[in-house]
């Protein structure tokens, strides 16, 4: 499952530089699948939505830091635990209860993001 940032976020920014997939953004910031990855051309997002890798997408949150689920691998293949959760001073980086993903799915996502 992807990690989410709850509305208890204090916008400290400690999580953002820790993400190996560049999946964390400040509230209100547009994102693209190519940010911090090797993706070029078209990419299929969750829900079979095809986008250009460099195309800017709407922020997930305008109020606090957010994690793009299509880029989150829970740090599988990089670290033993999600680094955002490890550094969060208010414990607001938590597993998303709406997304149940196996380690195999997370590793496959990592491979797609980092060719």
PDB file of N, CA and C in Angstrom:
ATOM      1  N   UNK A   1       0.836  -1.180   0.000  1.00  0.00           N
ATOM      2  CA  UNK A   1       0.000   0.000   0.000  1.00  0.00           C
ATOM      3  C   UNK A   1       0.877   1.237   0.000  1.00  0.00           C
ATOM      4  N   UNK A   2       0.439   2.265  -0.620  1.00  0.00           N
ATOM      5  CA  UNK A   2       1.171   3.518  -0.623  1.00  0.00           C
ATOM      6  C   UNK A   2       1.043   4.176   0.750  1.00  0.00           C
ATOM      7  N   UNK A   3       1.942   5.072   1.005  1.00  0.00           N
ATOM      8  CA  UNK A   3       1.898   5.866   2.233  1.00  0.00           C
ATOM      9  C   UNK A   3       1.129   7.147   1.924  1.00  0.00           C
ATOM     10  N   UNK A   4       0.371   7.636   2.885  1.00  0.00           N
ATOM     11  CA  UNK A   4      -0.303   8.927   2.757  1.00  0.00           C
ATOM     12  C   UNK A   4       0.172   9.835   3.883  1.00  0.00           C
ATOM     13  N   UNK A   5      -0.014  11.113   3.681  1.00  0.00           N
ATOM     14  CA  UNK A   5       0.282  12.104   4.713  1.00  0.00           C
ATOM     15  C   UNK A   5      -1.064  12.637   5.190  1.00  0.00           C
ATOM     16  N   UNK A   6      -1.307  12.510   6.473  1.00  0.00           N
ATOM     17  CA  UNK A   6      -2.600  12.922   7.025  1.00  0.00           C
ATOM     18  C   UNK A   6      -2.662  14.434   7.209  1.00  0.00           C
ATOM     19  N   UNK A   7      -3.852  14.917   7.517  1.00  0.00           N
ATOM     20  CA  UNK A   7      -4.037  16.357   7.713  1.00  0.00           C
ATOM     21  C   UNK A   7      -3.430  16.857   9.020  1.00  0.00           C
ATOM     22  N   UNK A   8      -2.770  15.966   9.754  1.00  0.00           N
ATOM     23  CA  UNK A   8      -2.032  16.386  10.950  1.00  0.00           C
ATOM     24  C   UNK A   8      -0.645  16.921  10.596  1.00  0.00           C
ATOM     25  N   UNK A   9      -0.310  16.908   9.305  1.00  0.00           N
ATOM     26  CA  UNK A   9       0.984  17.391   8.814  1.00  0.00           C
ATOM     27  C   UNK A   9       1.203  18.845   9.247  1.00  0.00           C
ATOM     28  N   UNK A  10       2.415  19.129   9.732  1.00  0.00           N
ATOM     29  CA  UNK A  10       2.756  20.497  10.152  1.00  0.00           C
ATOM     30  C   UNK A  10       3.586  21.218   9.092  1.00  0.00           C
ATOM     31  N   UNK A  11       3.690  20.628   7.897  1.00  0.00           N
ATOM     32  CA  UNK A  11       4.409  21.227   6.776  1.00  0.00           C
ATOM     33  C   UNK A  11       5.869  21.538   7.093  1.00  0.00           C
ATOM     34  N   UNK A  12       6.505  20.635   7.828  1.00  0.00           N
ATOM     35  CA  UNK A  12       7.912  20.855   8.181  1.00  0.00           C
ATOM     36  C   UNK A  12       8.853  20.525   7.026  1.00  0.00           C
ATOM     37  N   UNK A  13       8.411  19.651   6.108  1.00  0.00           N
ATOM     38  CA  UNK A  13       9.221  19.299   4.955  1.00  0.00           C
ATOM     39  C   UNK A  13      10.292  18.253   5.200  1.00  0.00           C
ATOM     40  N   UNK A  14      10.346  17.660   6.376  1.00  0.00           N
ATOM     41  CA  UNK A  14      11.375  16.663   6.681  1.00  0.00           C
ATOM     42  C   UNK A  14      11.281  15.449   5.771  1.00  0.00           C
ATOM     43  N   UNK A  15      10.099  15.100   5.343  1.00  0.00           N
ATOM     44  CA  UNK A  15       9.881  13.891   4.543  1.00  0.00           C
ATOM     45  C   UNK A  15      10.353  14.022   3.093  1.00  0.00           C
ATOM     46  N   UNK A  16      10.182  15.185   2.524  1.00  0.00           N
ATOM     47  CA  UNK A  16      10.410  15.368   1.078  1.00  0.00           C
ATOM     48  C   UNK A  16      11.794  14.921   0.602  1.00  0.00           C
ATOM     49  N   UNK A  17      12.880  15.350   1.211  1.00  0.00           N
ATOM     50  CA  UNK A  17      14.195  14.935   0.700  1.00  0.00           C
ATOM     51  C   UNK A  17      14.533  13.471   0.963  1.00  0.00           C
ATOM     52  N   UNK A  18      13.777  12.808   1.809  1.00  0.00           N
ATOM     53  CA  UNK A  18      14.050  11.409   2.149  1.00  0.00           C
ATOM     54  C   UNK A  18      13.509  10.416   1.120  1.00  0.00           C
ATOM     55  N   UNK A  19      12.594  10.850   0.270  1.00  0.00           N
ATOM     56  CA  UNK A  19      11.918   9.940  -0.653  1.00  0.00           C
ATOM     57  C   UNK A  19      12.803   9.591  -1.855  1.00  0.00           C
ATOM     58  N   UNK A  20      13.128   8.310  -2.037  1.00  0.00           N
ATOM     59  CA  UNK A  20      13.978   7.911  -3.160  1.00  0.00           C
ATOM     60  C   UNK A  20      13.271   7.979  -4.517  1.00  0.00           C
ATOM     61  N   UNK A  21      11.951   8.143  -4.503  1.00  0.00           N
ATOM     62  CA  UNK A  21      11.175   8.206  -5.744  1.00  0.00           C
ATOM     63  C   UNK A  21      10.701   9.611  -6.083  1.00  0.00           C
ATOM     64  N   UNK A  22      11.059  10.579  -5.264  1.00  0.00           N
ATOM     65  CA  UNK A  22      10.572  11.941  -5.439  1.00  0.00           C
ATOM     66  C   UNK A  22       9.045  11.948  -5.534  1.00  0.00           C
ATOM     67  N   UNK A  23       8.412  11.206  -4.626  1.00  0.00           N
ATOM     68  CA  UNK A  23       6.951  11.078  -4.622  1.00  0.00           C
ATOM     69  C   UNK A  23       6.275  12.073  -3.687  1.00  0.00           C
ATOM     70  N   UNK A  24       7.059  12.840  -2.929  1.00  0.00           N
ATOM     71  CA  UNK A  24       6.496  13.753  -1.932  1.00  0.00           C
ATOM     72  C   UNK A  24       6.642  15.192  -2.414  1.00  0.00           C
ATOM     73  N   UNK A  25       5.540  15.924  -2.314  1.00  0.00           N
ATOM     74  CA  UNK A  25       5.512  17.310  -2.776  1.00  0.00           C
ATOM     75  C   UNK A  25       4.874  18.202  -1.723  1.00  0.00           C
ATOM     76  N   UNK A  26       5.280  19.451  -1.738  1.00  0.00           N
ATOM     77  CA  UNK A  26       4.672  20.455  -0.862  1.00  0.00           C
ATOM     78  C   UNK A  26       3.251  20.725  -1.347  1.00  0.00           C
ATOM     79  N   UNK A  27       2.362  20.991  -0.427  1.00  0.00           N
ATOM     80  CA  UNK A  27       0.976  21.285  -0.775  1.00  0.00           C
ATOM     81  C   UNK A  27       0.869  22.359  -1.836  1.00  0.00           C
ATOM     82  N   UNK A  28      -0.008  22.132  -2.824  1.00  0.00           N
ATOM     83  CA  UNK A  28      -0.252  23.106  -3.877  1.00  0.00           C
ATOM     84  C   UNK A  28       0.711  23.025  -5.052  1.00  0.00           C
ATOM     85  N   UNK A  29       1.715  22.168  -4.980  1.00  0.00           N
ATOM     86  CA  UNK A  29       2.710  22.062  -6.047  1.00  0.00           C
ATOM     87  C   UNK A  29       2.274  21.002  -7.060  1.00  0.00           C
ATOM     88  N   UNK A  30       2.330  21.367  -8.334  1.00  0.00           N
ATOM     89  CA  UNK A  30       2.050  20.391  -9.379  1.00  0.00           C
ATOM     90  C   UNK A  30       3.195  19.388  -9.434  1.00  0.00           C
ATOM     91  N   UNK A  31       2.903  18.177  -9.892  1.00  0.00           N
ATOM     92  CA  UNK A  31       3.907  17.128  -9.957  1.00  0.00           C
ATOM     93  C   UNK A  31       3.874  16.474 -11.329  1.00  0.00           C
ATOM     94  N   UNK A  32       4.948  15.750 -11.642  1.00  0.00           N
ATOM     95  CA  UNK A  32       4.959  14.939 -12.857  1.00  0.00           C
ATOM     96  C   UNK A  32       5.624  13.606 -12.537  1.00  0.00           C
ATOM     97  N   UNK A  33       5.288  12.594 -13.287  1.00  0.00           N
ATOM     98  CA  UNK A  33       5.836  11.264 -13.053  1.00  0.00           C
ATOM     99  C   UNK A  33       7.336  11.248 -13.326  1.00  0.00           C
ATOM    100  N   UNK A  34       7.815  12.156 -14.158  1.00  0.00           N
ATOM    101  CA  UNK A  34       9.242  12.188 -14.494  1.00  0.00           C
ATOM    102  C   UNK A  34      10.109  12.836 -13.416  1.00  0.00           C
ATOM    103  N   UNK A  35       9.518  13.575 -12.490  1.00  0.00           N
ATOM    104  CA  UNK A  35      10.297  14.227 -11.431  1.00  0.00           C
ATOM    105  C   UNK A  35      11.078  13.179 -10.645  1.00  0.00           C
ATOM    106  N   UNK A  36      12.403  13.228 -10.728  1.00  0.00           N
ATOM    107  CA  UNK A  36      13.240  12.335  -9.945  1.00  0.00           C
ATOM    108  C   UNK A  36      13.251  10.887 -10.396  1.00  0.00           C
ATOM    109  N   UNK A  37      12.734  10.619 -11.595  1.00  0.00           N
ATOM    110  CA  UNK A  37      12.727   9.255 -12.120  1.00  0.00           C
ATOM    111  C   UNK A  37      13.373   9.258 -13.503  1.00  0.00           C
ATOM    112  N   UNK A  38      13.461   8.098 -14.114  1.00  0.00           N
ATOM    113  CA  UNK A  38      14.015   8.000 -15.461  1.00  0.00           C
ATOM    114  C   UNK A  38      12.927   7.864 -16.518  1.00  0.00           C
ATOM    115  N   UNK A  39      11.683   8.116 -16.150  1.00  0.00           N
ATOM    116  CA  UNK A  39      10.545   7.949 -17.058  1.00  0.00           C
ATOM    117  C   UNK A  39      10.548   9.048 -18.125  1.00  0.00           C
ATOM    118  N   UNK A  40      10.351   8.630 -19.375  1.00  0.00           N
ATOM    119  CA  UNK A  40      10.159   9.559 -20.496  1.00  0.00           C
ATOM    120  C   UNK A  40       8.983   9.037 -21.316  1.00  0.00           C
ATOM    121  N   UNK A  41       8.494   9.854 -22.205  1.00  0.00           N
ATOM    122  CA  UNK A  41       7.380   9.429 -23.060  1.00  0.00           C
ATOM    123  C   UNK A  41       6.074   9.373 -22.300  1.00  0.00           C
ATOM    124  N   UNK A  42       5.261   8.367 -22.591  1.00  0.00           N
ATOM    125  CA  UNK A  42       3.976   8.237 -21.915  1.00  0.00           C
ATOM    126  C   UNK A  42       4.086   7.244 -20.765  1.00  0.00           C
ATOM    127  N   UNK A  43       3.220   7.415 -19.798  1.00  0.00           N
ATOM    128  CA  UNK A  43       3.204   6.561 -18.612  1.00  0.00           C
ATOM    129  C   UNK A  43       1.752   6.360 -18.226  1.00  0.00           C
ATOM    130  N   UNK A  44       1.411   5.164 -17.793  1.00  0.00           N
ATOM    131  CA  UNK A  44       0.038   4.862 -17.393  1.00  0.00           C
ATOM    132  C   UNK A  44      -0.065   4.951 -15.876  1.00  0.00           C
ATOM    133  N   UNK A  45      -0.865   5.904 -15.422  1.00  0.00           N
ATOM    134  CA  UNK A  45      -1.102   6.106 -13.998  1.00  0.00           C
ATOM    135  C   UNK A  45      -2.193   5.162 -13.521  1.00  0.00           C
ATOM    136  N   UNK A  46      -2.376   5.139 -12.219  1.00  0.00           N
ATOM    137  CA  UNK A  46      -3.454   4.383 -11.593  1.00  0.00           C
ATOM    138  C   UNK A  46      -4.776   4.701 -12.294  1.00  0.00           C
ATOM    139  N   UNK A  47      -5.582   3.690 -12.507  1.00  0.00           N
ATOM    140  CA  UNK A  47      -6.868   3.898 -13.174  1.00  0.00           C
ATOM    141  C   UNK A  47      -6.747   3.931 -14.682  1.00  0.00           C
ATOM    142  N   UNK A  48      -5.616   3.462 -15.220  1.00  0.00           N
ATOM    143  CA  UNK A  48      -5.375   3.412 -16.669  1.00  0.00           C
ATOM    144  C   UNK A  48      -5.403   4.785 -17.328  1.00  0.00           C
ATOM    145  N   UNK A  49      -4.954   5.803 -16.611  1.00  0.00           N
ATOM    146  CA  UNK A  49      -4.867   7.154 -17.152  1.00  0.00           C
ATOM    147  C   UNK A  49      -3.481   7.323 -17.767  1.00  0.00           C
ATOM    148  N   UNK A  50      -3.426   7.573 -19.064  1.00  0.00           N
ATOM    149  CA  UNK A  50      -2.156   7.743 -19.762  1.00  0.00           C
ATOM    150  C   UNK A  50      -1.775   9.218 -19.786  1.00  0.00           C
ATOM    151  N   UNK A  51      -0.538   9.508 -19.365  1.00  0.00           N
ATOM    152  CA  UNK A  51      -0.048  10.888 -19.329  1.00  0.00           C
ATOM    153  C   UNK A  51       1.341  10.950 -19.940  1.00  0.00           C
ATOM    154  N   UNK A  52       1.727  12.118 -20.381  1.00  0.00           N
ATOM    155  CA  UNK A  52       3.107  12.347 -20.788  1.00  0.00           C
ATOM    156  C   UNK A  52       3.927  12.479 -19.506  1.00  0.00           C
ATOM    157  N   UNK A  53       5.083  11.866 -19.487  1.00  0.00           N
ATOM    158  CA  UNK A  53       5.899  11.815 -18.276  1.00  0.00           C
ATOM    159  C   UNK A  53       6.210  13.198 -17.698  1.00  0.00           C
ATOM    160  N   UNK A  54       6.446  14.174 -18.545  1.00  0.00           N
ATOM    161  CA  UNK A  54       6.797  15.512 -18.072  1.00  0.00           C
ATOM    162  C   UNK A  54       5.585  16.409 -17.824  1.00  0.00           C
ATOM    163  N   UNK A  55       4.382  15.929 -18.165  1.00  0.00           N
ATOM    164  CA  UNK A  55       3.180  16.744 -17.988  1.00  0.00           C
ATOM    165  C   UNK A  55       2.906  16.976 -16.504  1.00  0.00           C
ATOM    166  N   UNK A  56       2.595  18.205 -16.179  1.00  0.00           N
ATOM    167  CA  UNK A  56       2.289  18.553 -14.794  1.00  0.00           C
ATOM    168  C   UNK A  56       0.884  18.084 -14.441  1.00  0.00           C
ATOM    169  N   UNK A  57       0.775  17.503 -13.247  1.00  0.00           N
ATOM    170  CA  UNK A  57      -0.492  16.987 -12.735  1.00  0.00           C
ATOM    171  C   UNK A  57      -0.945  17.855 -11.562  1.00  0.00           C
ATOM    172  N   UNK A  58      -2.226  17.866 -11.306  1.00  0.00           N
ATOM    173  CA  UNK A  58      -2.786  18.658 -10.210  1.00  0.00           C
ATOM    174  C   UNK A  58      -2.281  18.139  -8.867  1.00  0.00           C
ATOM    175  N   UNK A  59      -2.050  19.042  -7.911  1.00  0.00           N
ATOM    176  CA  UNK A  59      -1.629  18.616  -6.574  1.00  0.00           C
ATOM    177  C   UNK A  59      -2.672  17.716  -5.923  1.00  0.00           C
ATOM    178  N   UNK A  60      -2.214  16.766  -5.137  1.00  0.00           N
ATOM    179  CA  UNK A  60      -3.122  15.900  -4.383  1.00  0.00           C
ATOM    180  C   UNK A  60      -3.725  16.683  -3.221  1.00  0.00           C
ATOM    181  N   UNK A  61      -2.967  17.639  -2.682  1.00  0.00           N
ATOM    182  CA  UNK A  61      -3.436  18.493  -1.585  1.00  0.00           C
ATOM    183  C   UNK A  61      -2.928  19.910  -1.805  1.00  0.00           C
ATOM    184  N   UNK A  62      -3.746  20.871  -1.461  1.00  0.00           N
ATOM    185  CA  UNK A  62      -3.321  22.268  -1.521  1.00  0.00           C
ATOM    186  C   UNK A  62      -2.861  22.775  -0.164  1.00  0.00           C
ATOM    187  N   UNK A  63      -3.130  22.014   0.897  1.00  0.00           N
ATOM    188  CA  UNK A  63      -2.896  22.499   2.248  1.00  0.00           C
ATOM    189  C   UNK A  63      -1.648  21.964   2.923  1.00  0.00           C
ATOM    190  N   UNK A  64      -1.271  20.712   2.621  1.00  0.00           N
ATOM    191  CA  UNK A  64      -0.120  20.128   3.295  1.00  0.00           C
ATOM    192  C   UNK A  64       0.613  19.190   2.338  1.00  0.00           C
ATOM    193  N   UNK A  65       1.797  18.773   2.734  1.00  0.00           N
ATOM    194  CA  UNK A  65       2.594  17.874   1.908  1.00  0.00           C
ATOM    195  C   UNK A  65       1.764  16.647   1.529  1.00  0.00           C
ATOM    196  N   UNK A  66       2.049  16.103   0.355  1.00  0.00           N
ATOM    197  CA  UNK A  66       1.321  14.936  -0.105  1.00  0.00           C
ATOM    198  C   UNK A  66       2.259  13.960  -0.806  1.00  0.00           C
ATOM    199  N   UNK A  67       1.813  12.709  -0.918  1.00  0.00           N
ATOM    200  CA  UNK A  67       2.568  11.661  -1.587  1.00  0.00           C
ATOM    201  C   UNK A  67       1.773  11.218  -2.801  1.00  0.00           C
ATOM    202  N   UNK A  68       2.430  11.179  -3.949  1.00  0.00           N
ATOM    203  CA  UNK A  68       1.799  10.707  -5.181  1.00  0.00           C
ATOM    204  C   UNK A  68       1.795   9.179  -5.146  1.00  0.00           C
ATOM    205  N   UNK A  69       0.622   8.550  -5.077  1.00  0.00           N
ATOM    206  CA  UNK A  69       0.555   7.095  -4.956  1.00  0.00           C
ATOM    207  C   UNK A  69       1.228   6.357  -6.115  1.00  0.00           C
ATOM    208  N   UNK A  70       1.172   6.922  -7.309  1.00  0.00           N
ATOM    209  CA  UNK A  70       1.783   6.285  -8.473  1.00  0.00           C
ATOM    210  C   UNK A  70       3.305   6.257  -8.400  1.00  0.00           C
ATOM    211  N   UNK A  71       3.877   7.011  -7.472  1.00  0.00           N
ATOM    212  CA  UNK A  71       5.335   7.046  -7.335  1.00  0.00           C
ATOM    213  C   UNK A  71       5.816   6.430  -6.029  1.00  0.00           C
ATOM    214  N   UNK A  72       4.917   6.136  -5.110  1.00  0.00           N
ATOM    215  CA  UNK A  72       5.302   5.607  -3.801  1.00  0.00           C
ATOM    216  C   UNK A  72       5.533   4.102  -3.863  1.00  0.00           C
ATOM    217  N   UNK A  73       6.684   3.688  -3.366  1.00  0.00           N
ATOM    218  CA  UNK A  73       7.001   2.260  -3.269  1.00  0.00           C
ATOM    219  C   UNK A  73       7.224   1.853  -1.817  1.00  0.00           C
ATOM    220  N   UNK A  74       6.844   2.725  -0.895  1.00  0.00           N
ATOM    221  CA  UNK A  74       7.078   2.492   0.535  1.00  0.00           C
ATOM    222  C   UNK A  74       8.561   2.237   0.809  1.00  0.00           C
ATOM    223  N   UNK A  75       9.401   2.740  -0.081  1.00  0.00           N
ATOM    224  CA  UNK A  75      10.867   2.592  -0.001  1.00  0.00           C
ATOM    225  C   UNK A  75      11.331   1.151  -0.202  1.00  0.00           C
ATOM    226  N   UNK A  76      10.428   0.258  -0.638  1.00  0.00           N
ATOM    227  CA  UNK A  76      10.810  -1.127  -0.919  1.00  0.00           C
ATOM    228  C   UNK A  76      11.872  -1.114  -2.019  1.00  0.00           C
ATOM    229  N   UNK A  77      12.916  -1.869  -1.805  1.00  0.00           N
ATOM    230  CA  UNK A  77      14.024  -1.909  -2.752  1.00  0.00           C
ATOM    231  C   UNK A  77      15.076  -0.848  -2.496  1.00  0.00           C
ATOM    232  N   UNK A  78      14.791   0.061  -1.575  1.00  0.00           N
ATOM    233  CA  UNK A  78      15.739   1.107  -1.211  1.00  0.00           C
ATOM    234  C   UNK A  78      16.133   1.022   0.264  1.00  0.00           C
ATOM    235  N   UNK A  79      15.112   0.923   1.126  1.00  0.00           N
ATOM    236  CA  UNK A  79      15.318   0.961   2.573  1.00  0.00           C
ATOM    237  C   UNK A  79      14.450  -0.100   3.254  1.00  0.00           C
ATOM    238  N   UNK A  80      14.739  -0.350   4.514  1.00  0.00           N
ATOM    239  CA  UNK A  80      13.986  -1.337   5.290  1.00  0.00           C
ATOM    240  C   UNK A  80      12.595  -0.853   5.694  1.00  0.00           C
ATOM    241  N   UNK A  81      12.416   0.469   5.744  1.00  0.00           N
ATOM    242  CA  UNK A  81      11.138   1.048   6.148  1.00  0.00           C
ATOM    243  C   UNK A  81      10.913   2.336   5.381  1.00  0.00           C
ATOM    244  N   UNK A  82       9.664   2.798   5.275  1.00  0.00           N
ATOM    245  CA  UNK A  82       9.396   4.071   4.605  1.00  0.00           C
ATOM    246  C   UNK A  82      10.126   5.213   5.318  1.00  0.00           C
ATOM    247  N   UNK A  83      10.970   5.898   4.576  1.00  0.00           N
ATOM    248  CA  UNK A  83      11.782   6.945   5.173  1.00  0.00           C
ATOM    249  C   UNK A  83      10.980   8.172   5.592  1.00  0.00           C
ATOM    250  N   UNK A  84       9.890   8.452   4.900  1.00  0.00           N
ATOM    251  CA  UNK A  84       9.055   9.589   5.291  1.00  0.00           C
ATOM    252  C   UNK A  84       8.510   9.379   6.700  1.00  0.00           C
ATOM    253  N   UNK A  85       8.033   8.154   6.956  1.00  0.00           N
ATOM    254  CA  UNK A  85       7.491   7.842   8.282  1.00  0.00           C
ATOM    255  C   UNK A  85       8.585   7.863   9.341  1.00  0.00           C
ATOM    256  N   UNK A  86       9.775   7.429   8.975  1.00  0.00           N
ATOM    257  CA  UNK A  86      10.876   7.380   9.932  1.00  0.00           C
ATOM    258  C   UNK A  86      11.303   8.767  10.411  1.00  0.00           C
ATOM    259  N   UNK A  87      11.187   9.786   9.546  1.00  0.00           N
ATOM    260  CA  UNK A  87      11.643  11.129   9.925  1.00  0.00           C
ATOM    261  C   UNK A  87      10.531  12.076  10.338  1.00  0.00           C
ATOM    262  N   UNK A  88       9.286  11.682  10.163  1.00  0.00           N
ATOM    263  CA  UNK A  88       8.161  12.578  10.466  1.00  0.00           C
ATOM    264  C   UNK A  88       8.058  12.835  11.972  1.00  0.00           C
ATOM    265  N   UNK A  89       8.142  14.101  12.376  1.00  0.00           N
ATOM    266  CA  UNK A  89       8.086  14.397  13.809  1.00  0.00           C
ATOM    267  C   UNK A  89       6.701  14.270  14.436  1.00  0.00           C
ATOM    268  N   UNK A  90       5.653  14.206  13.611  1.00  0.00           N
ATOM    269  CA  UNK A  90       4.294  14.106  14.144  1.00  0.00           C
ATOM    270  C   UNK A  90       3.582  12.818  13.715  1.00  0.00           C
ATOM    271  N   UNK A  91       4.324  11.882  13.164  1.00  0.00           N
ATOM    272  CA  UNK A  91       3.790  10.575  12.767  1.00  0.00           C
ATOM    273  C   UNK A  91       2.562  10.669  11.864  1.00  0.00           C
ATOM    274  N   UNK A  92       2.634  11.544  10.859  1.00  0.00           N
ATOM    275  CA  UNK A  92       1.482  11.676   9.954  1.00  0.00           C
ATOM    276  C   UNK A  92       1.695  10.973   8.618  1.00  0.00           C
ATOM    277  N   UNK A  93       2.811  10.294   8.434  1.00  0.00           N
ATOM    278  CA  UNK A  93       3.046   9.474   7.239  1.00  0.00           C
ATOM    279  C   UNK A  93       2.667   8.045   7.593  1.00  0.00           C
ATOM    280  N   UNK A  94       1.512   7.628   7.087  1.00  0.00           N
ATOM    281  CA  UNK A  94       0.941   6.334   7.492  1.00  0.00           C
ATOM    282  C   UNK A  94       0.515   5.536   6.265  1.00  0.00           C
ATOM    283  N   UNK A  95       0.385   4.213   6.401  1.00  0.00           N
ATOM    284  CA  UNK A  95      -0.109   3.406   5.282  1.00  0.00           C
ATOM    285  C   UNK A  95      -1.513   3.840   4.871  1.00  0.00           C
ATOM    286  N   UNK A  96      -1.741   3.858   3.571  1.00  0.00           N
ATOM    287  CA  UNK A  96      -3.045   4.227   3.029  1.00  0.00           C
ATOM    288  C   UNK A  96      -3.973   3.013   3.140  1.00  0.00           C
ATOM    289  N   UNK A  97      -5.017   3.096   3.946  1.00  0.00           N
ATOM    290  CA  UNK A  97      -5.912   1.950   4.123  1.00  0.00           C
ATOM    291  C   UNK A  97      -6.696   1.593   2.859  1.00  0.00           C
ATOM    292  N   UNK A  98      -6.733   2.490   1.879  1.00  0.00           N
ATOM    293  CA  UNK A  98      -7.469   2.242   0.643  1.00  0.00           C
ATOM    294  C   UNK A  98      -6.630   1.556  -0.433  1.00  0.00           C
ATOM    295  N   UNK A  99      -5.337   1.356  -0.163  1.00  0.00           N
ATOM    296  CA  UNK A  99      -4.455   0.736  -1.154  1.00  0.00           C
ATOM    297  C   UNK A  99      -3.697  -0.417  -0.523  1.00  0.00           C
ATOM    298  N   UNK A 100      -4.013  -1.610  -0.927  1.00  0.00           N
ATOM    299  CA  UNK A 100      -3.303  -2.780  -0.447  1.00  0.00           C
ATOM    300  C   UNK A 100      -2.419  -3.292  -1.580  1.00  0.00           C
ATOM    301  N   UNK A 101      -1.096  -3.164  -1.420  1.00  0.00           N
ATOM    302  CA  UNK A 101      -0.160  -3.566  -2.465  1.00  0.00           C
ATOM    303  C   UNK A 101       0.884  -4.511  -1.886  1.00  0.00           C
ATOM    304  N   UNK A 102       1.188  -5.549  -2.632  1.00  0.00           N
ATOM    305  CA  UNK A 102       2.189  -6.515  -2.188  1.00  0.00           C
ATOM    306  C   UNK A 102       3.592  -5.957  -2.427  1.00  0.00           C
ATOM    307  N   UNK A 103       4.568  -6.620  -1.823  1.00  0.00           N
ATOM    308  CA  UNK A 103       5.961  -6.235  -2.050  1.00  0.00           C
ATOM    309  C   UNK A 103       6.313  -6.379  -3.533  1.00  0.00           C
ATOM    310  N   UNK A 104       5.766  -7.376  -4.198  1.00  0.00           N
ATOM    311  CA  UNK A 104       6.019  -7.578  -5.626  1.00  0.00           C
ATOM    312  C   UNK A 104       5.515  -6.394  -6.445  1.00  0.00           C
ATOM    313  N   UNK A 105       4.333  -5.894  -6.112  1.00  0.00           N
ATOM    314  CA  UNK A 105       3.778  -4.733  -6.818  1.00  0.00           C
ATOM    315  C   UNK A 105       4.659  -3.509  -6.583  1.00  0.00           C
ATOM    316  N   UNK A 106       5.077  -3.317  -5.353  1.00  0.00           N
ATOM    317  CA  UNK A 106       5.928  -2.167  -5.032  1.00  0.00           C
ATOM    318  C   UNK A 106       7.279  -2.255  -5.727  1.00  0.00           C
ATOM    319  N   UNK A 107       7.858  -3.448  -5.782  1.00  0.00           N
ATOM    320  CA  UNK A 107       9.134  -3.628  -6.486  1.00  0.00           C
ATOM    321  C   UNK A 107       8.974  -3.405  -7.988  1.00  0.00           C
ATOM    322  N   UNK A 108       7.865  -3.855  -8.540  1.00  0.00           N
ATOM    323  CA  UNK A 108       7.608  -3.631  -9.971  1.00  0.00           C
ATOM    324  C   UNK A 108       7.466  -2.136 -10.257  1.00  0.00           C
ATOM    325  N   UNK A 109       6.816  -1.398  -9.374  1.00  0.00           N
ATOM    326  CA  UNK A 109       6.689   0.054  -9.539  1.00  0.00           C
ATOM    327  C   UNK A 109       8.062   0.697  -9.483  1.00  0.00           C
ATOM    328  N   UNK A 110       8.888   0.270  -8.547  1.00  0.00           N
ATOM    329  CA  UNK A 110      10.249   0.798  -8.441  1.00  0.00           C
ATOM    330  C   UNK A 110      10.994   0.585  -9.757  1.00  0.00           C
ATOM    331  N   UNK A 111      10.880  -0.608 -10.326  1.00  0.00           N
ATOM    332  CA  UNK A 111      11.561  -0.908 -11.597  1.00  0.00           C
ATOM    333  C   UNK A 111      11.036  -0.040 -12.732  1.00  0.00           C
ATOM    334  N   UNK A 112       9.739   0.231 -12.745  1.00  0.00           N
ATOM    335  CA  UNK A 112       9.160   1.094 -13.793  1.00  0.00           C
ATOM    336  C   UNK A 112       9.639   2.528 -13.657  1.00  0.00           C
ATOM    337  N   UNK A 113       9.809   2.986 -12.424  1.00  0.00           N
ATOM    338  CA  UNK A 113      10.221   4.376 -12.193  1.00  0.00           C
ATOM    339  C   UNK A 113      11.708   4.597 -12.415  1.00  0.00           C
ATOM    340  N   UNK A 114      12.487   3.572 -12.183  1.00  0.00           N
ATOM    341  CA  UNK A 114      13.945   3.700 -12.251  1.00  0.00           C
ATOM    342  C   UNK A 114      14.510   2.643 -13.195  1.00  0.00           C
ATOM    343  N   UNK A 115      14.406   2.910 -14.486  1.00  0.00           N
ATOM    344  CA  UNK A 115      14.857   1.951 -15.501  1.00  0.00           C
ATOM    345  C   UNK A 115      16.339   1.690 -15.437  1.00  0.00           C
TER     346      UNK A 115
END
